[in-house]
Amino acid sequence: MNQPLAYVHPGAKIAKNVVIEPFTTINNNVIIGEGTWIGSNVTIMEGARIGKNCNIFPGSVISANPQDLKYDNEDTIVKIGNNVTIRECVTINRGTTDRMKTVIGDNCLIMAYCHIAHDCTVGKNCIFSNNSTLAGHITVGDYVVLAGMTAVHQFCAIGNHAFVTGGSLVRKDVPPYVKAAREPLSYVGINSVGLRRRGYSTEKIREIQGIYRLLYQKNYNNSQASAIIEAEMEATSERDEILQFIKNSHRGIMKGYFTSN
């Protein structure tokens, strides 16, 4: 149902039961899936691919050109999955030649005033609280929670099930399953509350704690800790995921928490 005061370009492909509120603009080369609601004063620009049953609140701008001086009007997209909620005044920019797309996975909640820059890849079931900001080329895993006013440096990676506390500056990669806090951002434990909520057993949580105890609390460097973890701990999907994340880290992983004298 399109309101008469909304503008929808004839080249946009809109499912029949999409609701578009007044004063919204939808440009050419846009696809919007069934059951999606687009609030008033939303701007959806060329290259947006929006899934089913999404809710996009007033003031949001989806698929604007990248804020990247190297961008030369390449044909890139923003891909938003199903059941995604995008609250007021969120901005999500399209990709550049690096990845050609910016991606938001299914079932994410992106709260008001967040910004997701070009070439970011966000997994499924993530929650970004108000004013959280991703610079370009960032990879975020599944079930990641960013508390309010978190700022993530370009090219960083955040692993599955990680929790980053409010007001954090993320300059290094954040491994899977951890809680990250303090300044500079540091390991402060694993995200045991989130893991329990998602059905992880006490035994599995203790296994993950044991891995990070070796990595962060035994005065080993990352290479030494990784070798010990691989040699001495049972091979599980979680162990291998953590080791692979450390191996693939380009910016290096965040440090453990320490107190100065």
C-alpha atoms as a PDB file:
ATOM      1  CA  MET A   1       0.000   0.000   0.000  1.00  0.00           C
ATOM      2  CA  ASN A   2       1.646   3.203  -1.210  1.00  0.00           C
ATOM      3  CA  GLN A   3       0.479   6.523   0.207  1.00  0.00           C
ATOM      4  CA  PRO A   4      -0.177   9.176  -2.478  1.00  0.00           C
ATOM      5  CA  LEU A   5       2.361  11.521  -0.891  1.00  0.00           C
ATOM      6  CA  ALA A   6       5.195   8.966  -1.190  1.00  0.00           C
ATOM      7  CA  TYR A   7       7.382   8.843  -4.306  1.00  0.00           C
ATOM      8  CA  VAL A   8       8.180   5.416  -5.742  1.00  0.00           C
ATOM      9  CA  HIS A   9      10.242   5.275  -8.937  1.00  0.00           C
ATOM     10  CA  PRO A  10       8.600   3.145 -11.652  1.00  0.00           C
ATOM     11  CA  GLY A  11      11.782   1.057 -11.855  1.00  0.00           C
ATOM     12  CA  ALA A  12      11.584  -0.021  -8.201  1.00  0.00           C
ATOM     13  CA  LYS A  13      10.349  -3.560  -7.544  1.00  0.00           C
ATOM     14  CA  ILE A  14       8.004  -3.476  -4.562  1.00  0.00           C
ATOM     15  CA  ALA A  15       6.105  -6.534  -3.286  1.00  0.00           C
ATOM     16  CA  LYS A  16       2.323  -6.130  -3.234  1.00  0.00           C
ATOM     17  CA  ASN A  17       1.841  -5.983   0.515  1.00  0.00           C
ATOM     18  CA  VAL A  18       4.643  -3.511   1.349  1.00  0.00           C
ATOM     19  CA  VAL A  19       3.435  -0.429   3.249  1.00  0.00           C
ATOM     20  CA  ILE A  20       5.079   2.873   2.315  1.00  0.00           C
ATOM     21  CA  GLU A  21       4.131   5.881   4.453  1.00  0.00           C
ATOM     22  CA  PRO A  22       3.853   9.507   3.225  1.00  0.00           C
ATOM     23  CA  PHE A  23       6.874  11.645   2.317  1.00  0.00           C
ATOM     24  CA  THR A  24       9.118   8.662   1.672  1.00  0.00           C
ATOM     25  CA  THR A  25      11.265   8.467  -1.482  1.00  0.00           C
ATOM     26  CA  ILE A  26      12.168   5.168  -3.153  1.00  0.00           C
ATOM     27  CA  ASN A  27      14.519   5.452  -6.100  1.00  0.00           C
ATOM     28  CA  ASN A  28      15.179   3.313  -9.171  1.00  0.00           C
ATOM     29  CA  ASN A  29      16.895  -0.082  -8.904  1.00  0.00           C
ATOM     30  CA  VAL A  30      15.416  -0.881  -5.492  1.00  0.00           C
ATOM     31  CA  ILE A  31      13.868  -4.219  -4.439  1.00  0.00           C
ATOM     32  CA  ILE A  32      11.678  -4.519  -1.335  1.00  0.00           C
ATOM     33  CA  GLY A  33      10.301  -7.860  -0.120  1.00  0.00           C
ATOM     34  CA  GLU A  34       6.876  -8.845   1.160  1.00  0.00           C
ATOM     35  CA  GLY A  35       5.501  -7.565   4.446  1.00  0.00           C
ATOM     36  CA  THR A  36       7.999  -4.735   4.864  1.00  0.00           C
ATOM     37  CA  TRP A  37       6.918  -1.429   6.397  1.00  0.00           C
ATOM     38  CA  ILE A  38       8.638   1.804   5.346  1.00  0.00           C
ATOM     39  CA  GLY A  39       7.920   4.740   7.662  1.00  0.00           C
ATOM     40  CA  SER A  40       7.522   8.369   6.639  1.00  0.00           C
ATOM     41  CA  ASN A  41      10.473  10.517   5.548  1.00  0.00           C
ATOM     42  CA  VAL A  42      12.638   7.512   4.663  1.00  0.00           C
ATOM     43  CA  THR A  43      14.969   7.735   1.660  1.00  0.00           C
ATOM     44  CA  ILE A  44      15.858   4.493  -0.109  1.00  0.00           C
ATOM     45  CA  MET A  45      18.391   5.111  -2.846  1.00  0.00           C
ATOM     46  CA  GLU A  46      19.551   3.074  -5.832  1.00  0.00           C
ATOM     47  CA  GLY A  47      21.014  -0.329  -5.111  1.00  0.00           C
ATOM     48  CA  ALA A  48      18.943  -1.203  -2.029  1.00  0.00           C
ATOM     49  CA  ARG A  49      17.885  -4.840  -1.684  1.00  0.00           C
ATOM     50  CA  ILE A  50      15.547  -5.135   1.300  1.00  0.00           C
ATOM     51  CA  GLY A  51      14.133  -8.462   2.455  1.00  0.00           C
ATOM     52  CA  LYS A  52      10.797  -9.587   3.846  1.00  0.00           C
ATOM     53  CA  ASN A  53       9.046  -8.319   6.989  1.00  0.00           C
ATOM     54  CA  CYS A  54      11.478  -5.501   7.674  1.00  0.00           C
ATOM     55  CA  ASN A  55      10.580  -2.289   9.527  1.00  0.00           C
ATOM     56  CA  ILE A  56      12.354   0.925   8.557  1.00  0.00           C
ATOM     57  CA  PHE A  57      11.556   3.896  10.776  1.00  0.00           C
ATOM     58  CA  PRO A  58      11.332   7.613   9.870  1.00  0.00           C
ATOM     59  CA  GLY A  59      14.418   9.537   8.860  1.00  0.00           C
ATOM     60  CA  SER A  60      16.532   6.575   7.756  1.00  0.00           C
ATOM     61  CA  VAL A  61      18.622   6.720   4.584  1.00  0.00           C
ATOM     62  CA  ILE A  62      19.423   3.390   2.951  1.00  0.00           C
ATOM     63  CA  SER A  63      21.957   2.819   0.142  1.00  0.00           C
ATOM     64  CA  ALA A  64      23.379   6.331  -0.132  1.00  0.00           C
ATOM     65  CA  ASN A  65      26.700   6.653  -1.932  1.00  0.00           C
ATOM     66  CA  PRO A  66      29.750   5.680   0.139  1.00  0.00           C
ATOM     67  CA  GLN A  67      31.503   8.424   2.062  1.00  0.00           C
ATOM     68  CA  ASP A  68      34.712   7.420   0.313  1.00  0.00           C
ATOM     69  CA  LEU A  69      36.614   9.785  -1.982  1.00  0.00           C
ATOM     70  CA  LYS A  70      37.739   6.815  -4.101  1.00  0.00           C
ATOM     71  CA  TYR A  71      34.154   5.918  -4.980  1.00  0.00           C
ATOM     72  CA  ASP A  72      33.553   6.478  -8.698  1.00  0.00           C
ATOM     73  CA  ASN A  73      29.848   5.679  -9.034  1.00  0.00           C
ATOM     74  CA  GLU A  74      30.366   1.925  -9.289  1.00  0.00           C
ATOM     75  CA  ASP A  75      27.233  -0.200  -9.491  1.00  0.00           C
ATOM     76  CA  THR A  76      27.137  -1.438  -5.884  1.00  0.00           C
ATOM     77  CA  ILE A  77      24.365  -2.397  -3.478  1.00  0.00           C
ATOM     78  CA  VAL A  78      23.109  -2.610   0.083  1.00  0.00           C
ATOM     79  CA  LYS A  79      21.618  -6.001   0.925  1.00  0.00           C
ATOM     80  CA  ILE A  80      19.342  -6.185   3.977  1.00  0.00           C
ATOM     81  CA  GLY A  81      18.000  -9.558   5.093  1.00  0.00           C
ATOM     82  CA  ASN A  82      14.593 -10.586   6.412  1.00  0.00           C
ATOM     83  CA  ASN A  83      12.993  -9.438   9.670  1.00  0.00           C
ATOM     84  CA  VAL A  84      15.392  -6.542  10.133  1.00  0.00           C
ATOM     85  CA  THR A  85      14.338  -3.511  12.181  1.00  0.00           C
ATOM     86  CA  ILE A  86      16.042  -0.221  11.359  1.00  0.00           C
ATOM     87  CA  ARG A  87      15.124   2.562  13.769  1.00  0.00           C
ATOM     88  CA  GLU A  88      15.022   6.326  13.328  1.00  0.00           C
ATOM     89  CA  CYS A  89      17.707   8.158  11.342  1.00  0.00           C
ATOM     90  CA  VAL A  90      19.928   5.156  10.653  1.00  0.00           C
ATOM     91  CA  THR A  91      22.260   5.522   7.648  1.00  0.00           C
ATOM     92  CA  ILE A  92      23.531   2.523   5.683  1.00  0.00           C
ATOM     93  CA  ASN A  93      25.854   3.213   2.726  1.00  0.00           C
ATOM     94  CA  ARG A  94      26.300   1.049  -0.346  1.00  0.00           C
ATOM     95  CA  GLY A  95      29.550  -0.751  -1.169  1.00  0.00           C
ATOM     96  CA  THR A  96      32.614   0.150  -3.197  1.00  0.00           C
ATOM     97  CA  THR A  97      34.872  -1.932  -5.424  1.00  0.00           C
ATOM     98  CA  ASP A  98      36.309  -3.615  -2.301  1.00  0.00           C
ATOM     99  CA  ARG A  99      33.281  -5.853  -1.638  1.00  0.00           C
ATOM    100  CA  MET A 100      30.704  -4.321  -4.008  1.00  0.00           C
ATOM    101  CA  LYS A 101      28.056  -4.481  -1.289  1.00  0.00           C
ATOM    102  CA  THR A 102      27.151  -3.676   2.282  1.00  0.00           C
ATOM    103  CA  VAL A 103      25.269  -6.525   3.976  1.00  0.00           C
ATOM    104  CA  ILE A 104      22.960  -6.722   6.999  1.00  0.00           C
ATOM    105  CA  GLY A 105      21.907 -10.265   7.966  1.00  0.00           C
ATOM    106  CA  ASP A 106      18.491 -11.544   9.031  1.00  0.00           C
ATOM    107  CA  ASN A 107      16.810 -10.621  12.321  1.00  0.00           C
ATOM    108  CA  CYS A 108      19.035  -7.668  13.179  1.00  0.00           C
ATOM    109  CA  LEU A 109      17.961  -4.674  15.274  1.00  0.00           C
ATOM    110  CA  ILE A 110      19.746  -1.460  14.319  1.00  0.00           C
ATOM    111  CA  MET A 111      18.728   1.232  16.799  1.00  0.00           C
ATOM    112  CA  ALA A 112      18.362   4.962  16.231  1.00  0.00           C
ATOM    113  CA  TYR A 113      21.177   7.070  14.747  1.00  0.00           C
ATOM    114  CA  CYS A 114      23.485   4.153  13.960  1.00  0.00           C
ATOM    115  CA  HIS A 115      25.731   4.420  10.905  1.00  0.00           C
ATOM    116  CA  ILE A 116      26.937   1.446   8.860  1.00  0.00           C
ATOM    117  CA  ALA A 117      29.498   2.487   6.279  1.00  0.00           C
ATOM    118  CA  HIS A 118      30.440   1.041   2.891  1.00  0.00           C
ATOM    119  CA  ASP A 119      31.521  -2.585   2.481  1.00  0.00           C
ATOM    120  CA  CYS A 120      30.515  -3.683   5.981  1.00  0.00           C
ATOM    121  CA  THR A 121      29.209  -7.209   6.473  1.00  0.00           C
ATOM    122  CA  VAL A 122      26.955  -7.719   9.492  1.00  0.00           C
ATOM    123  CA  GLY A 123      25.814 -11.212  10.450  1.00  0.00           C
ATOM    124  CA  LYS A 124      22.441 -12.442  11.669  1.00  0.00           C
ATOM    125  CA  ASN A 125      20.667 -11.641  14.953  1.00  0.00           C
ATOM    126  CA  CYS A 126      22.862  -8.652  15.812  1.00  0.00           C
ATOM    127  CA  ILE A 127      21.810  -5.735  18.024  1.00  0.00           C
ATOM    128  CA  PHE A 128      23.427  -2.323  17.567  1.00  0.00           C
ATOM    129  CA  SER A 129      22.313   0.141  20.244  1.00  0.00           C
ATOM    130  CA  ASN A 130      21.823   3.853  19.656  1.00  0.00           C
ATOM    131  CA  ASN A 131      24.593   5.848  17.957  1.00  0.00           C
ATOM    132  CA  SER A 132      26.841   2.868  17.277  1.00  0.00           C
ATOM    133  CA  THR A 133      29.022   3.475  14.228  1.00  0.00           C
ATOM    134  CA  LEU A 134      30.820   1.136  11.851  1.00  0.00           C
ATOM    135  CA  ALA A 135      33.501   2.600   9.605  1.00  0.00           C
ATOM    136  CA  GLY A 136      34.161   0.975   6.230  1.00  0.00           C
ATOM    137  CA  HIS A 137      35.143  -2.629   5.463  1.00  0.00           C
ATOM    138  CA  ILE A 138      34.151  -4.070   8.870  1.00  0.00           C
ATOM    139  CA  THR A 139      33.053  -7.677   9.386  1.00  0.00           C
ATOM    140  CA  VAL A 140      30.666  -8.463  12.248  1.00  0.00           C
ATOM    141  CA  GLY A 141      29.652 -12.018  13.097  1.00  0.00           C
ATOM    142  CA  ASP A 142      26.300 -13.418  14.224  1.00  0.00           C
ATOM    143  CA  TYR A 143      24.641 -12.542  17.569  1.00  0.00           C
ATOM    144  CA  VAL A 144      26.956  -9.577  18.176  1.00  0.00           C
ATOM    145  CA  VAL A 145      25.752  -6.871  20.560  1.00  0.00           C
ATOM    146  CA  LEU A 146      27.188  -3.349  20.389  1.00  0.00           C
ATOM    147  CA  ALA A 147      26.028  -1.221  23.303  1.00  0.00           C
ATOM    148  CA  GLY A 148      25.325   2.478  22.749  1.00  0.00           C
ATOM    149  CA  MET A 149      27.834   4.857  21.180  1.00  0.00           C
ATOM    150  CA  THR A 150      30.310   2.152  20.181  1.00  0.00           C
ATOM    151  CA  ALA A 151      32.674   3.228  17.395  1.00  0.00           C
ATOM    152  CA  VAL A 152      34.466   0.590  15.309  1.00  0.00           C
ATOM    153  CA  HIS A 153      37.619   1.371  13.305  1.00  0.00           C
ATOM    154  CA  GLN A 154      37.697   0.517   9.603  1.00  0.00           C
ATOM    155  CA  PHE A 155      38.790  -3.005   8.608  1.00  0.00           C
ATOM    156  CA  CYS A 156      38.149  -4.412  12.104  1.00  0.00           C
ATOM    157  CA  ALA A 157      36.420  -7.749  12.686  1.00  0.00           C
ATOM    158  CA  ILE A 158      34.121  -8.744  15.558  1.00  0.00           C
ATOM    159  CA  GLY A 159      33.513 -12.443  16.154  1.00  0.00           C
ATOM    160  CA  ASN A 160      30.271 -14.320  16.737  1.00  0.00           C
ATOM    161  CA  HIS A 161      28.484 -13.815  20.083  1.00  0.00           C
ATOM    162  CA  ALA A 162      30.750 -10.950  21.172  1.00  0.00           C
ATOM    163  CA  PHE A 163      29.445  -8.191  23.442  1.00  0.00           C
ATOM    164  CA  VAL A 164      31.005  -4.709  23.339  1.00  0.00           C
ATOM    165  CA  THR A 165      30.128  -2.310  26.158  1.00  0.00           C
ATOM    166  CA  GLY A 166      28.781   1.196  25.626  1.00  0.00           C
ATOM    167  CA  GLY A 167      31.037   4.056  24.600  1.00  0.00           C
ATOM    168  CA  SER A 168      33.773   1.698  23.420  1.00  0.00           C
ATOM    169  CA  LEU A 169      36.387   2.535  20.795  1.00  0.00           C
ATOM    170  CA  VAL A 170      37.130  -0.653  18.852  1.00  0.00           C
ATOM    171  CA  ARG A 171      40.587  -0.371  17.277  1.00  0.00           C
ATOM    172  CA  LYS A 172      41.532  -4.058  17.236  1.00  0.00           C
ATOM    173  CA  ASP A 173      39.664  -7.232  16.315  1.00  0.00           C
ATOM    174  CA  VAL A 174      37.289  -8.629  18.954  1.00  0.00           C
ATOM    175  CA  PRO A 175      37.357 -12.452  19.095  1.00  0.00           C
ATOM    176  CA  PRO A 176      34.228 -14.636  19.285  1.00  0.00           C
ATOM    177  CA  TYR A 177      32.282 -15.205  22.534  1.00  0.00           C
ATOM    178  CA  VAL A 178      33.960 -12.445  24.563  1.00  0.00           C
ATOM    179  CA  LYS A 179      32.959  -9.354  26.495  1.00  0.00           C
ATOM    180  CA  ALA A 180      34.983  -6.287  25.546  1.00  0.00           C
ATOM    181  CA  ALA A 181      35.204  -3.206  27.767  1.00  0.00           C
ATOM    182  CA  ARG A 182      37.422  -0.468  29.243  1.00  0.00           C
ATOM    183  CA  GLU A 183      39.824   1.893  27.492  1.00  0.00           C
ATOM    184  CA  PRO A 184      41.821   0.737  25.638  1.00  0.00           C
ATOM    185  CA  LEU A 185      39.316  -1.952  24.724  1.00  0.00           C
ATOM    186  CA  SER A 186      40.228  -5.197  26.472  1.00  0.00           C
ATOM    187  CA  TYR A 187      39.079  -8.725  27.175  1.00  0.00           C
ATOM    188  CA  VAL A 188      37.062  -8.790  30.429  1.00  0.00           C
ATOM    189  CA  GLY A 189      35.565 -12.288  30.246  1.00  0.00           C
ATOM    190  CA  ILE A 190      33.337 -14.284  27.962  1.00  0.00           C
ATOM    191  CA  ASN A 191      29.753 -13.388  27.099  1.00  0.00           C
ATOM    192  CA  SER A 192      28.330 -16.085  29.369  1.00  0.00           C
ATOM    193  CA  VAL A 193      24.918 -14.409  29.752  1.00  0.00           C
ATOM    194  CA  GLY A 194      24.424 -14.214  25.993  1.00  0.00           C
ATOM    195  CA  LEU A 195      25.643 -17.770  25.496  1.00  0.00           C
ATOM    196  CA  ARG A 196      23.234 -19.138  28.112  1.00  0.00           C
ATOM    197  CA  ARG A 197      20.364 -17.311  26.490  1.00  0.00           C
ATOM    198  CA  ARG A 198      21.236 -19.018  23.203  1.00  0.00           C
ATOM    199  CA  GLY A 199      21.333 -22.502  24.674  1.00  0.00           C
ATOM    200  CA  TYR A 200      25.025 -23.055  25.349  1.00  0.00           C
ATOM    201  CA  SER A 201      25.619 -25.612  28.107  1.00  0.00           C
ATOM    202  CA  THR A 202      27.620 -24.949  31.258  1.00  0.00           C
ATOM    203  CA  GLU A 203      30.264 -27.373  30.004  1.00  0.00           C
ATOM    204  CA  LYS A 204      30.609 -25.558  26.684  1.00  0.00           C
ATOM    205  CA  ILE A 205      30.867 -22.187  28.420  1.00  0.00           C
ATOM    206  CA  ARG A 206      33.627 -23.562  30.676  1.00  0.00           C
ATOM    207  CA  GLU A 207      35.454 -24.863  27.618  1.00  0.00           C
ATOM    208  CA  ILE A 208      35.406 -21.422  26.036  1.00  0.00           C
ATOM    209  CA  GLN A 209      36.530 -19.845  29.310  1.00  0.00           C
ATOM    210  CA  GLY A 210      39.465 -22.269  29.404  1.00  0.00           C
ATOM    211  CA  ILE A 211      40.551 -21.263  25.917  1.00  0.00           C
ATOM    212  CA  TYR A 212      40.547 -17.575  26.768  1.00  0.00           C
ATOM    213  CA  ARG A 213      42.265 -18.197  30.104  1.00  0.00           C
ATOM    214  CA  LEU A 214      45.226 -19.545  28.143  1.00  0.00           C
ATOM    215  CA  LEU A 215      45.055 -16.739  25.603  1.00  0.00           C
ATOM    216  CA  TYR A 216      44.676 -13.799  27.958  1.00  0.00           C
ATOM    217  CA  GLN A 217      45.657 -14.768  31.517  1.00  0.00           C
ATOM    218  CA  LYS A 218      48.807 -16.894  31.279  1.00  0.00           C
ATOM    219  CA  ASN A 219      51.292 -14.332  29.919  1.00  0.00           C
ATOM    220  CA  TYR A 220      51.660 -16.119  26.581  1.00  0.00           C
ATOM    221  CA  ASN A 221      51.814 -14.211  23.325  1.00  0.00           C
ATOM    222  CA  ASN A 222      49.119 -15.012  20.781  1.00  0.00           C
ATOM    223  CA  SER A 223      51.258 -17.496  18.840  1.00  0.00           C
ATOM    224  CA  GLN A 224      52.313 -19.371  21.973  1.00  0.00           C
ATOM    225  CA  ALA A 225      48.762 -19.477  23.360  1.00  0.00           C
ATOM    226  CA  SER A 226      47.339 -20.645  20.032  1.00  0.00           C
ATOM    227  CA  ALA A 227      49.856 -23.463  19.821  1.00  0.00           C
ATOM    228  CA  ILE A 228      49.073 -24.623  23.364  1.00  0.00           C
ATOM    229  CA  ILE A 229      45.321 -24.423  22.797  1.00  0.00           C
ATOM    230  CA  GLU A 230      45.616 -26.471  19.614  1.00  0.00           C
ATOM    231  CA  ALA A 231      47.884 -29.061  21.216  1.00  0.00           C
ATOM    232  CA  GLU A 232      46.228 -29.478  24.608  1.00  0.00           C
ATOM    233  CA  MET A 233      42.532 -28.717  24.193  1.00  0.00           C
ATOM    234  CA  GLU A 234      39.994 -30.988  22.573  1.00  0.00           C
ATOM    235  CA  ALA A 235      39.150 -30.088  18.984  1.00  0.00           C
ATOM    236  CA  THR A 236      35.670 -28.569  18.920  1.00  0.00           C
ATOM    237  CA  SER A 237      33.941 -26.164  16.554  1.00  0.00           C
ATOM    238  CA  GLU A 238      34.276 -23.353  19.120  1.00  0.00           C
ATOM    239  CA  ARG A 239      37.986 -23.985  19.691  1.00  0.00           C
ATOM    240  CA  ASP A 240      38.674 -24.088  15.968  1.00  0.00           C
ATOM    241  CA  GLU A 241      36.586 -20.954  15.358  1.00  0.00           C
ATOM    242  CA  ILE A 242      38.587 -18.999  17.938  1.00  0.00           C
ATOM    243  CA  LEU A 243      41.932 -20.206  16.581  1.00  0.00           C
ATOM    244  CA  GLN A 244      40.916 -19.416  13.005  1.00  0.00           C
ATOM    245  CA  PHE A 245      39.773 -15.924  14.010  1.00  0.00           C
ATOM    246  CA  ILE A 246      43.148 -15.213  15.635  1.00  0.00           C
ATOM    247  CA  LYS A 247      45.003 -16.588  12.605  1.00  0.00           C
ATOM    248  CA  ASN A 248      42.969 -14.488  10.162  1.00  0.00           C
ATOM    249  CA  SER A 249      43.155 -11.246  12.161  1.00  0.00           C
ATOM    250  CA  HIS A 250      44.697  -8.470  10.081  1.00  0.00           C
ATOM    251  CA  ARG A 251      44.632  -5.722  12.710  1.00  0.00           C
ATOM    252  CA  GLY A 252      45.510  -8.022  15.606  1.00  0.00           C
ATOM    253  CA  ILE A 253      43.159  -8.988  18.409  1.00  0.00           C
ATOM    254  CA  MET A 254      42.460  -6.780  21.412  1.00  0.00           C
ATOM    255  CA  LYS A 255      44.608  -7.206  24.515  1.00  0.00           C
ATOM    256  CA  GLY A 256      43.714  -8.638  27.887  1.00  0.00           C
ATOM    257  CA  TYR A 257      42.804  -6.290  30.696  1.00  0.00           C
ATOM    258  CA  PHE A 258      45.641  -5.172  32.920  1.00  0.00           C
ATOM    259  CA  THR A 259      45.952  -2.681  35.772  1.00  0.00           C
ATOM    260  CA  SER A 260      48.747  -0.158  35.838  1.00  0.00           C
ATOM    261  CA  ASN A 261      50.705   0.593  39.009  1.00  0.00           C
END
